[in-house]
Amino acid sequence: MARYARDMLPEPTQRLRFREMAEEDIDVMAGLLGDPTVMQFYPGPKSREEAMKWIAWTRANYAEHGYGLWIVETHDGEFVGDCGLTWQPVGNTRKLEIGYHTVPAQQGRGYATEAAQACLELAMGPIGEAHAVAIINPENMPSRRVAEKLGMRAEQEANYDGRPAVVYGVRASTAAADPA
């Protein structure tokens, strides 16, 4: 039986905290997902309606799995982006992905790595997954660096959602032996 998302939040980090995404987050999420810089390596910025669907999808993940993407904020409540765990199709299998988006004003500060590390620890700890991935556009060097800082290594090239991707992955034994 899945636990509720509030029971599955990543632990706060030195600079960041996590909370459930809610419909009331439409303004910040529409700004994040509608930003051309943030969405540079995706199929274009998302509309406000698509951002609301993103929130609904995230909330459905909470209901089904007990986790999903979370709102990431500084301890002072400043919006940083979203980060979390979602099941994604890779080839003929489903893999648990650590995904992250950071608003441009907060990029380059290590927040994506810090948030993703907390999510990886949740995946490999309380959730009990033995393997996690990050599915990244080959040209997205900042996201690739985040994955590498998490101890992830390129495992395969794939066609994901109609575009090329590199699937980075880490196994629980590797993550524990080689922390970011």
N, C-alpha and C. Protein backbone atom coordinates (compact mmCIF):
# COMPACT_ATOMS: atom_id res chain seq x y z
N MET A 1 0.85 -1.18 0.00
CA MET A 1 0.00 0.00 0.00
C MET A 1 0.89 1.24 0.00
N ALA A 2 0.63 2.16 -0.91
CA ALA A 2 1.42 3.38 -1.00
C ALA A 2 1.13 4.29 0.18
N ARG A 3 2.17 4.94 0.66
CA ARG A 3 1.98 5.94 1.70
C ARG A 3 1.71 7.28 1.04
N TYR A 4 1.14 8.20 1.79
CA TYR A 4 0.86 9.52 1.24
C TYR A 4 2.14 10.30 1.05
N ALA A 5 2.14 11.21 0.09
CA ALA A 5 3.33 11.99 -0.24
C ALA A 5 3.90 12.71 0.97
N ARG A 6 3.05 13.18 1.86
CA ARG A 6 3.58 13.90 3.02
C ARG A 6 4.45 12.99 3.87
N ASP A 7 4.21 11.68 3.78
CA ASP A 7 5.03 10.73 4.51
C ASP A 7 6.31 10.39 3.75
N MET A 8 6.38 10.79 2.48
CA MET A 8 7.49 10.39 1.63
C MET A 8 8.33 11.57 1.15
N LEU A 9 8.22 12.70 1.79
CA LEU A 9 9.03 13.85 1.37
C LEU A 9 10.51 13.57 1.60
N PRO A 10 11.36 14.05 0.68
CA PRO A 10 12.80 13.97 0.96
C PRO A 10 13.12 14.79 2.21
N GLU A 11 14.18 14.41 2.88
CA GLU A 11 14.62 15.17 4.05
C GLU A 11 15.06 16.56 3.60
N PRO A 12 14.79 17.57 4.39
CA PRO A 12 15.32 18.90 4.06
C PRO A 12 16.84 18.84 3.98
N THR A 13 17.40 19.69 3.14
CA THR A 13 18.85 19.76 3.01
C THR A 13 19.33 20.99 3.77
N GLN A 14 20.60 21.27 3.67
CA GLN A 14 21.15 22.44 4.35
C GLN A 14 20.45 23.72 3.91
N ARG A 15 20.09 23.81 2.61
CA ARG A 15 19.51 25.05 2.09
C ARG A 15 18.08 24.92 1.59
N LEU A 16 17.59 23.69 1.42
CA LEU A 16 16.32 23.48 0.74
C LEU A 16 15.33 22.65 1.56
N ARG A 17 14.06 22.86 1.24
CA ARG A 17 12.99 22.04 1.80
C ARG A 17 12.06 21.64 0.66
N PHE A 18 11.27 20.60 0.90
CA PHE A 18 10.36 20.03 -0.09
C PHE A 18 8.94 20.08 0.45
N ARG A 19 7.98 20.23 -0.47
CA ARG A 19 6.58 20.11 -0.08
C ARG A 19 5.80 19.59 -1.28
N GLU A 20 4.61 19.09 -0.99
CA GLU A 20 3.74 18.60 -2.06
C GLU A 20 3.40 19.73 -3.03
N MET A 21 3.28 19.38 -4.28
CA MET A 21 2.81 20.31 -5.30
C MET A 21 1.28 20.33 -5.23
N ALA A 22 0.69 21.52 -5.34
CA ALA A 22 -0.76 21.67 -5.25
C ALA A 22 -1.25 22.57 -6.38
N GLU A 23 -2.55 22.54 -6.61
CA GLU A 23 -3.13 23.39 -7.65
C GLU A 23 -2.81 24.86 -7.42
N GLU A 24 -2.64 25.25 -6.17
CA GLU A 24 -2.32 26.64 -5.84
C GLU A 24 -0.93 27.04 -6.34
N ASP A 25 -0.14 26.08 -6.78
CA ASP A 25 1.20 26.35 -7.30
C ASP A 25 1.19 26.65 -8.80
N ILE A 26 0.02 26.84 -9.37
CA ILE A 26 -0.07 27.04 -10.82
C ILE A 26 0.78 28.22 -11.30
N ASP A 27 0.82 29.31 -10.58
CA ASP A 27 1.58 30.47 -11.05
C ASP A 27 3.08 30.17 -11.13
N VAL A 28 3.64 29.60 -10.06
CA VAL A 28 5.08 29.32 -10.10
C VAL A 28 5.41 28.20 -11.07
N MET A 29 4.53 27.20 -11.16
CA MET A 29 4.79 26.09 -12.09
C MET A 29 4.61 26.52 -13.54
N ALA A 30 3.62 27.36 -13.81
CA ALA A 30 3.46 27.88 -15.18
C ALA A 30 4.67 28.73 -15.56
N GLY A 31 5.19 29.50 -14.61
CA GLY A 31 6.39 30.28 -14.87
C GLY A 31 7.60 29.40 -15.12
N LEU A 32 7.76 28.36 -14.32
CA LEU A 32 8.89 27.44 -14.47
C LEU A 32 8.82 26.69 -15.80
N LEU A 33 7.69 26.01 -16.02
CA LEU A 33 7.55 25.16 -17.21
C LEU A 33 7.32 25.96 -18.49
N GLY A 34 6.96 27.23 -18.34
CA GLY A 34 6.77 28.09 -19.50
C GLY A 34 8.01 28.88 -19.86
N ASP A 35 9.07 28.73 -19.09
CA ASP A 35 10.30 29.49 -19.33
C ASP A 35 11.13 28.82 -20.43
N PRO A 36 11.46 29.56 -21.50
CA PRO A 36 12.23 28.96 -22.60
C PRO A 36 13.62 28.47 -22.18
N THR A 37 14.24 29.10 -21.19
CA THR A 37 15.55 28.64 -20.72
C THR A 37 15.42 27.30 -20.01
N VAL A 38 14.44 27.19 -19.13
CA VAL A 38 14.22 25.95 -18.39
C VAL A 38 13.87 24.81 -19.35
N MET A 39 13.06 25.13 -20.35
CA MET A 39 12.54 24.10 -21.26
C MET A 39 13.35 23.96 -22.55
N GLN A 40 14.54 24.53 -22.57
CA GLN A 40 15.38 24.52 -23.76
C GLN A 40 15.58 23.13 -24.35
N PHE A 41 15.69 22.12 -23.53
CA PHE A 41 15.98 20.77 -24.01
C PHE A 41 14.75 19.86 -24.02
N TYR A 42 13.58 20.47 -23.93
CA TYR A 42 12.31 19.74 -23.96
C TYR A 42 11.54 20.19 -25.19
N PRO A 43 10.43 19.54 -25.49
CA PRO A 43 9.63 19.97 -26.64
C PRO A 43 8.90 21.29 -26.37
N GLY A 44 9.65 22.33 -26.17
CA GLY A 44 9.09 23.67 -26.06
C GLY A 44 8.51 23.98 -24.70
N PRO A 45 8.40 25.27 -24.37
CA PRO A 45 7.77 25.68 -23.11
C PRO A 45 6.32 25.22 -23.05
N LYS A 46 5.86 25.00 -21.85
CA LYS A 46 4.49 24.53 -21.63
C LYS A 46 3.57 25.72 -21.35
N SER A 47 2.34 25.57 -21.80
CA SER A 47 1.31 26.59 -21.53
C SER A 47 0.84 26.48 -20.09
N ARG A 48 0.06 27.43 -19.67
CA ARG A 48 -0.52 27.39 -18.31
C ARG A 48 -1.40 26.14 -18.16
N GLU A 49 -2.15 25.81 -19.19
CA GLU A 49 -2.99 24.60 -19.16
C GLU A 49 -2.13 23.35 -19.01
N GLU A 50 -1.02 23.29 -19.74
CA GLU A 50 -0.12 22.14 -19.62
C GLU A 50 0.52 22.08 -18.23
N ALA A 51 0.82 23.24 -17.66
CA ALA A 51 1.36 23.28 -16.30
C ALA A 51 0.34 22.72 -15.31
N MET A 52 -0.94 23.03 -15.51
CA MET A 52 -1.97 22.48 -14.62
C MET A 52 -2.06 20.96 -14.79
N LYS A 53 -1.90 20.47 -16.01
CA LYS A 53 -1.88 19.02 -16.23
C LYS A 53 -0.66 18.39 -15.54
N TRP A 54 0.46 19.10 -15.53
CA TRP A 54 1.68 18.65 -14.85
C TRP A 54 1.40 18.47 -13.36
N ILE A 55 0.73 19.45 -12.78
CA ILE A 55 0.37 19.39 -11.36
C ILE A 55 -0.57 18.21 -11.11
N ALA A 56 -1.57 18.03 -11.97
CA ALA A 56 -2.51 16.91 -11.81
C ALA A 56 -1.79 15.57 -11.93
N TRP A 57 -0.86 15.46 -12.88
CA TRP A 57 -0.07 14.23 -13.05
C TRP A 57 0.76 13.97 -11.80
N THR A 58 1.36 15.03 -11.26
CA THR A 58 2.16 14.89 -10.05
C THR A 58 1.31 14.41 -8.89
N ARG A 59 0.13 14.98 -8.74
CA ARG A 59 -0.76 14.59 -7.65
C ARG A 59 -1.25 13.15 -7.84
N ALA A 60 -1.46 12.74 -9.08
CA ALA A 60 -1.83 11.35 -9.35
C ALA A 60 -0.69 10.41 -8.95
N ASN A 61 0.56 10.83 -9.16
CA ASN A 61 1.71 10.03 -8.73
C ASN A 61 1.74 9.89 -7.21
N TYR A 62 1.42 10.96 -6.49
CA TYR A 62 1.35 10.87 -5.03
C TYR A 62 0.34 9.79 -4.63
N ALA A 63 -0.84 9.85 -5.27
CA ALA A 63 -1.91 8.92 -4.91
C ALA A 63 -1.52 7.47 -5.24
N GLU A 64 -0.87 7.27 -6.38
CA GLU A 64 -0.54 5.91 -6.80
C GLU A 64 0.70 5.34 -6.12
N HIS A 65 1.74 6.18 -5.99
CA HIS A 65 3.03 5.67 -5.51
C HIS A 65 3.43 6.17 -4.12
N GLY A 66 2.82 7.28 -3.69
CA GLY A 66 3.22 7.88 -2.43
C GLY A 66 4.32 8.91 -2.59
N TYR A 67 4.75 9.15 -3.82
CA TYR A 67 5.77 10.13 -4.11
C TYR A 67 5.60 10.60 -5.55
N GLY A 68 6.35 11.63 -5.90
CA GLY A 68 6.29 12.22 -7.24
C GLY A 68 7.26 13.37 -7.29
N LEU A 69 6.89 14.43 -7.97
CA LEU A 69 7.70 15.64 -7.99
C LEU A 69 7.24 16.53 -6.84
N TRP A 70 8.17 17.23 -6.23
CA TRP A 70 7.84 18.13 -5.14
C TRP A 70 8.27 19.54 -5.49
N ILE A 71 7.62 20.48 -4.86
CA ILE A 71 8.05 21.87 -4.93
C ILE A 71 9.32 21.97 -4.07
N VAL A 72 10.33 22.63 -4.61
CA VAL A 72 11.58 22.84 -3.89
C VAL A 72 11.67 24.34 -3.57
N GLU A 73 11.91 24.62 -2.31
CA GLU A 73 12.02 26.01 -1.85
C GLU A 73 13.25 26.14 -0.95
N THR A 74 13.75 27.37 -0.83
CA THR A 74 14.75 27.63 0.19
C THR A 74 14.06 27.56 1.54
N HIS A 75 14.82 27.52 2.60
CA HIS A 75 14.21 27.50 3.94
C HIS A 75 13.46 28.79 4.23
N ASP A 76 13.75 29.84 3.46
CA ASP A 76 13.02 31.11 3.59
C ASP A 76 11.75 31.14 2.75
N GLY A 77 11.47 30.05 2.02
CA GLY A 77 10.25 29.97 1.23
C GLY A 77 10.37 30.47 -0.20
N GLU A 78 11.58 30.74 -0.66
CA GLU A 78 11.76 31.19 -2.05
C GLU A 78 11.70 29.99 -2.99
N PHE A 79 10.88 30.11 -4.04
CA PHE A 79 10.69 29.02 -5.00
C PHE A 79 11.98 28.78 -5.79
N VAL A 80 12.41 27.52 -5.83
CA VAL A 80 13.61 27.12 -6.57
C VAL A 80 13.23 26.35 -7.82
N GLY A 81 12.22 25.47 -7.72
CA GLY A 81 11.82 24.65 -8.87
C GLY A 81 11.06 23.43 -8.39
N ASP A 82 11.18 22.36 -9.18
CA ASP A 82 10.60 21.08 -8.76
C ASP A 82 11.66 20.00 -8.90
N CYS A 83 11.48 18.95 -8.12
CA CYS A 83 12.41 17.83 -8.16
C CYS A 83 11.69 16.65 -7.53
N GLY A 84 11.97 15.47 -8.05
CA GLY A 84 11.36 14.31 -7.43
C GLY A 84 11.54 13.04 -8.22
N LEU A 85 10.67 12.10 -7.93
CA LEU A 85 10.77 10.73 -8.43
C LEU A 85 9.52 10.36 -9.21
N THR A 86 9.70 9.94 -10.46
CA THR A 86 8.58 9.49 -11.27
C THR A 86 8.99 8.26 -12.08
N TRP A 87 8.03 7.40 -12.32
CA TRP A 87 8.27 6.22 -13.15
C TRP A 87 8.17 6.62 -14.61
N GLN A 88 9.19 6.26 -15.39
CA GLN A 88 9.25 6.63 -16.80
C GLN A 88 9.53 5.40 -17.65
N PRO A 89 8.94 5.34 -18.84
CA PRO A 89 9.24 4.22 -19.74
C PRO A 89 10.60 4.43 -20.41
N VAL A 90 11.43 3.41 -20.34
CA VAL A 90 12.72 3.41 -21.04
C VAL A 90 12.80 2.07 -21.75
N GLY A 91 12.71 2.11 -23.08
CA GLY A 91 12.64 0.86 -23.83
C GLY A 91 11.38 0.12 -23.44
N ASN A 92 11.54 -1.13 -23.06
CA ASN A 92 10.39 -1.95 -22.67
C ASN A 92 10.22 -2.06 -21.17
N THR A 93 10.90 -1.20 -20.42
CA THR A 93 10.81 -1.27 -18.96
C THR A 93 10.44 0.10 -18.39
N ARG A 94 10.03 0.09 -17.13
CA ARG A 94 9.79 1.34 -16.40
C ARG A 94 10.95 1.53 -15.43
N LYS A 95 11.42 2.76 -15.36
CA LYS A 95 12.53 3.06 -14.46
C LYS A 95 12.17 4.26 -13.61
N LEU A 96 12.66 4.25 -12.38
CA LEU A 96 12.42 5.37 -11.48
C LEU A 96 13.40 6.49 -11.82
N GLU A 97 12.82 7.61 -12.26
CA GLU A 97 13.66 8.74 -12.66
C GLU A 97 13.68 9.81 -11.58
N ILE A 98 14.85 10.38 -11.39
CA ILE A 98 15.00 11.60 -10.59
C ILE A 98 14.99 12.74 -11.60
N GLY A 99 13.95 13.58 -11.51
CA GLY A 99 13.82 14.71 -12.42
C GLY A 99 13.92 16.01 -11.66
N TYR A 100 14.38 17.05 -12.35
CA TYR A 100 14.57 18.34 -11.70
C TYR A 100 14.49 19.47 -12.71
N HIS A 101 13.90 20.57 -12.28
CA HIS A 101 13.86 21.83 -13.04
C HIS A 101 14.14 22.94 -12.03
N THR A 102 14.97 23.89 -12.41
CA THR A 102 15.31 25.01 -11.54
C THR A 102 15.05 26.31 -12.29
N VAL A 103 14.43 27.28 -11.61
CA VAL A 103 14.18 28.58 -12.24
C VAL A 103 15.51 29.22 -12.60
N PRO A 104 15.56 29.95 -13.72
CA PRO A 104 16.84 30.53 -14.16
C PRO A 104 17.55 31.37 -13.09
N ALA A 105 16.81 32.12 -12.30
CA ALA A 105 17.44 32.97 -11.28
C ALA A 105 18.16 32.15 -10.21
N GLN A 106 17.83 30.86 -10.09
CA GLN A 106 18.43 30.01 -9.06
C GLN A 106 19.43 29.01 -9.65
N GLN A 107 19.61 29.01 -10.96
CA GLN A 107 20.53 28.06 -11.58
C GLN A 107 21.98 28.42 -11.27
N GLY A 108 22.84 27.42 -11.29
CA GLY A 108 24.26 27.64 -11.06
C GLY A 108 24.64 27.73 -9.59
N ARG A 109 23.73 27.44 -8.70
CA ARG A 109 23.99 27.53 -7.25
C ARG A 109 24.09 26.15 -6.59
N GLY A 110 23.95 25.09 -7.38
CA GLY A 110 24.01 23.75 -6.82
C GLY A 110 22.70 23.25 -6.26
N TYR A 111 21.62 24.01 -6.44
CA TYR A 111 20.34 23.60 -5.90
C TYR A 111 19.81 22.31 -6.54
N ALA A 112 19.96 22.17 -7.85
CA ALA A 112 19.47 20.96 -8.52
C ALA A 112 20.18 19.72 -7.97
N THR A 113 21.49 19.81 -7.80
CA THR A 113 22.24 18.68 -7.26
C THR A 113 21.81 18.38 -5.83
N GLU A 114 21.66 19.41 -5.03
CA GLU A 114 21.28 19.25 -3.62
C GLU A 114 19.89 18.60 -3.50
N ALA A 115 18.95 19.09 -4.30
CA ALA A 115 17.59 18.53 -4.26
C ALA A 115 17.58 17.11 -4.80
N ALA A 116 18.27 16.88 -5.92
CA ALA A 116 18.28 15.54 -6.52
C ALA A 116 18.96 14.53 -5.60
N GLN A 117 19.99 14.95 -4.87
CA GLN A 117 20.65 14.04 -3.92
C GLN A 117 19.68 13.62 -2.82
N ALA A 118 18.88 14.57 -2.33
CA ALA A 118 17.89 14.23 -1.30
C ALA A 118 16.86 13.25 -1.85
N CYS A 119 16.47 13.43 -3.10
CA CYS A 119 15.50 12.51 -3.73
C CYS A 119 16.13 11.13 -3.95
N LEU A 120 17.39 11.10 -4.35
CA LEU A 120 18.09 9.83 -4.52
C LEU A 120 18.17 9.07 -3.19
N GLU A 121 18.47 9.79 -2.13
CA GLU A 121 18.54 9.15 -0.81
C GLU A 121 17.18 8.58 -0.40
N LEU A 122 16.10 9.28 -0.72
CA LEU A 122 14.77 8.77 -0.44
C LEU A 122 14.49 7.52 -1.27
N ALA A 123 14.85 7.55 -2.55
CA ALA A 123 14.62 6.41 -3.44
C ALA A 123 15.37 5.17 -2.97
N MET A 124 16.63 5.35 -2.62
CA MET A 124 17.47 4.22 -2.25
C MET A 124 17.30 3.81 -0.79
N GLY A 125 16.70 4.70 0.01
CA GLY A 125 16.48 4.41 1.42
C GLY A 125 15.07 3.94 1.68
N PRO A 126 14.21 4.83 2.19
CA PRO A 126 12.85 4.43 2.58
C PRO A 126 12.02 3.78 1.46
N ILE A 127 12.17 4.24 0.23
CA ILE A 127 11.38 3.64 -0.86
C ILE A 127 11.94 2.26 -1.21
N GLY A 128 13.24 2.08 -1.08
CA GLY A 128 13.84 0.76 -1.27
C GLY A 128 14.15 0.39 -2.71
N GLU A 129 14.29 1.36 -3.58
CA GLU A 129 14.66 1.07 -4.97
C GLU A 129 16.15 0.77 -5.07
N ALA A 130 16.50 -0.15 -5.94
CA ALA A 130 17.90 -0.52 -6.13
C ALA A 130 18.55 0.23 -7.28
N HIS A 131 17.75 0.92 -8.09
CA HIS A 131 18.27 1.58 -9.30
C HIS A 131 17.44 2.82 -9.58
N ALA A 132 18.09 3.91 -9.91
CA ALA A 132 17.40 5.14 -10.30
C ALA A 132 18.11 5.72 -11.51
N VAL A 133 17.38 6.47 -12.31
CA VAL A 133 17.93 7.03 -13.54
C VAL A 133 17.61 8.52 -13.65
N ALA A 134 18.30 9.15 -14.58
CA ALA A 134 17.97 10.50 -15.05
C ALA A 134 17.99 10.42 -16.56
N ILE A 135 16.92 10.82 -17.20
CA ILE A 135 16.80 10.77 -18.66
C ILE A 135 17.06 12.17 -19.18
N ILE A 136 18.15 12.34 -19.93
CA ILE A 136 18.65 13.68 -20.24
C ILE A 136 18.94 13.83 -21.73
N ASN A 137 18.55 14.97 -22.28
CA ASN A 137 18.91 15.32 -23.64
C ASN A 137 20.44 15.36 -23.72
N PRO A 138 21.04 14.73 -24.74
CA PRO A 138 22.51 14.68 -24.81
C PRO A 138 23.19 16.05 -24.80
N GLU A 139 22.49 17.09 -25.25
CA GLU A 139 23.08 18.43 -25.30
C GLU A 139 22.92 19.20 -23.99
N ASN A 140 22.17 18.65 -23.04
CA ASN A 140 21.91 19.35 -21.78
C ASN A 140 23.05 19.08 -20.79
N MET A 141 24.13 19.80 -20.98
CA MET A 141 25.32 19.58 -20.16
C MET A 141 25.10 19.90 -18.68
N PRO A 142 24.35 20.96 -18.31
CA PRO A 142 24.13 21.17 -16.87
C PRO A 142 23.43 20.00 -16.19
N SER A 143 22.41 19.42 -16.83
CA SER A 143 21.71 18.27 -16.24
C SER A 143 22.61 17.05 -16.21
N ARG A 144 23.43 16.89 -17.20
CA ARG A 144 24.37 15.76 -17.21
C ARG A 144 25.34 15.88 -16.05
N ARG A 145 25.82 17.10 -15.77
CA ARG A 145 26.74 17.31 -14.64
C ARG A 145 26.05 16.99 -13.31
N VAL A 146 24.78 17.39 -13.18
CA VAL A 146 24.04 17.05 -11.96
C VAL A 146 24.00 15.54 -11.79
N ALA A 147 23.63 14.82 -12.83
CA ALA A 147 23.57 13.36 -12.75
C ALA A 147 24.92 12.76 -12.35
N GLU A 148 25.98 13.26 -12.93
CA GLU A 148 27.32 12.74 -12.61
C GLU A 148 27.69 13.04 -11.16
N LYS A 149 27.30 14.21 -10.65
CA LYS A 149 27.57 14.54 -9.24
C LYS A 149 26.82 13.61 -8.30
N LEU A 150 25.71 13.04 -8.78
CA LEU A 150 24.94 12.07 -7.97
C LEU A 150 25.56 10.68 -8.01
N GLY A 151 26.64 10.52 -8.78
CA GLY A 151 27.26 9.22 -8.93
C GLY A 151 26.69 8.42 -10.08
N MET A 152 25.82 9.05 -10.88
CA MET A 152 25.22 8.38 -12.03
C MET A 152 26.22 8.33 -13.18
N ARG A 153 26.09 7.29 -13.98
CA ARG A 153 26.91 7.13 -15.18
C ARG A 153 25.99 6.85 -16.36
N ALA A 154 26.43 7.25 -17.54
CA ALA A 154 25.64 6.99 -18.75
C ALA A 154 25.52 5.48 -18.93
N GLU A 155 24.27 5.00 -19.01
CA GLU A 155 24.02 3.57 -19.16
C GLU A 155 23.59 3.20 -20.57
N GLN A 156 22.85 4.10 -21.20
CA GLN A 156 22.36 3.79 -22.54
C GLN A 156 21.89 5.06 -23.23
N GLU A 157 21.85 4.99 -24.55
CA GLU A 157 21.20 6.03 -25.34
C GLU A 157 19.82 5.52 -25.66
N ALA A 158 18.88 6.42 -25.72
CA ALA A 158 17.49 6.01 -25.96
C ALA A 158 16.78 7.09 -26.76
N ASN A 159 15.64 6.71 -27.28
CA ASN A 159 14.72 7.66 -27.87
C ASN A 159 13.61 7.81 -26.86
N TYR A 160 13.54 8.99 -26.25
CA TYR A 160 12.56 9.21 -25.21
C TYR A 160 11.59 10.29 -25.64
N ASP A 161 10.33 9.95 -25.71
CA ASP A 161 9.28 10.91 -26.07
C ASP A 161 9.59 11.58 -27.42
N GLY A 162 10.12 10.78 -28.34
CA GLY A 162 10.39 11.28 -29.69
C GLY A 162 11.66 12.09 -29.84
N ARG A 163 12.52 12.08 -28.84
CA ARG A 163 13.77 12.83 -28.93
C ARG A 163 14.91 11.99 -28.36
N PRO A 164 16.15 12.29 -28.79
CA PRO A 164 17.28 11.51 -28.26
C PRO A 164 17.51 11.81 -26.78
N ALA A 165 17.99 10.80 -26.08
CA ALA A 165 18.27 10.95 -24.65
C ALA A 165 19.42 10.05 -24.26
N VAL A 166 20.10 10.46 -23.21
CA VAL A 166 21.09 9.61 -22.55
C VAL A 166 20.47 9.24 -21.20
N VAL A 167 20.44 7.96 -20.91
CA VAL A 167 19.90 7.49 -19.64
C VAL A 167 21.08 7.26 -18.69
N TYR A 168 21.14 8.12 -17.68
CA TYR A 168 22.14 7.98 -16.63
C TYR A 168 21.51 7.14 -15.53
N GLY A 169 22.32 6.33 -14.85
CA GLY A 169 21.78 5.52 -13.79
C GLY A 169 22.76 5.30 -12.67
N VAL A 170 22.21 4.92 -11.53
CA VAL A 170 23.02 4.56 -10.37
C VAL A 170 22.28 3.46 -9.62
N ARG A 171 23.05 2.56 -9.07
CA ARG A 171 22.49 1.48 -8.27
C ARG A 171 22.72 1.79 -6.79
N ALA A 172 21.89 1.24 -5.95
CA ALA A 172 21.94 1.54 -4.51
C ALA A 172 23.33 1.32 -3.94
N SER A 173 24.00 0.21 -4.31
CA SER A 173 25.32 -0.07 -3.75
C SER A 173 26.34 0.98 -4.19
N THR A 174 26.20 1.48 -5.44
CA THR A 174 27.10 2.51 -5.95
C THR A 174 26.82 3.85 -5.28
N ALA A 175 25.54 4.17 -5.12
CA ALA A 175 25.17 5.44 -4.51
C ALA A 175 25.68 5.51 -3.07
N ALA A 176 25.61 4.40 -2.35
CA ALA A 176 26.07 4.40 -0.97
C ALA A 176 27.59 4.49 -0.89
N ALA A 177 28.28 3.88 -1.87
CA ALA A 177 29.74 3.85 -1.85
C ALA A 177 30.36 5.12 -2.41
N ASP A 178 29.61 5.85 -3.25
CA ASP A 178 30.16 7.02 -3.95
C ASP A 178 29.22 8.19 -3.84
N PRO A 179 28.99 8.75 -2.61
CA PRO A 179 28.05 9.85 -2.47
C PRO A 179 28.53 11.09 -3.19
N ALA A 180 27.56 11.89 -3.62
CA ALA A 180 27.89 13.12 -4.36
C ALA A 180 28.46 14.17 -3.44
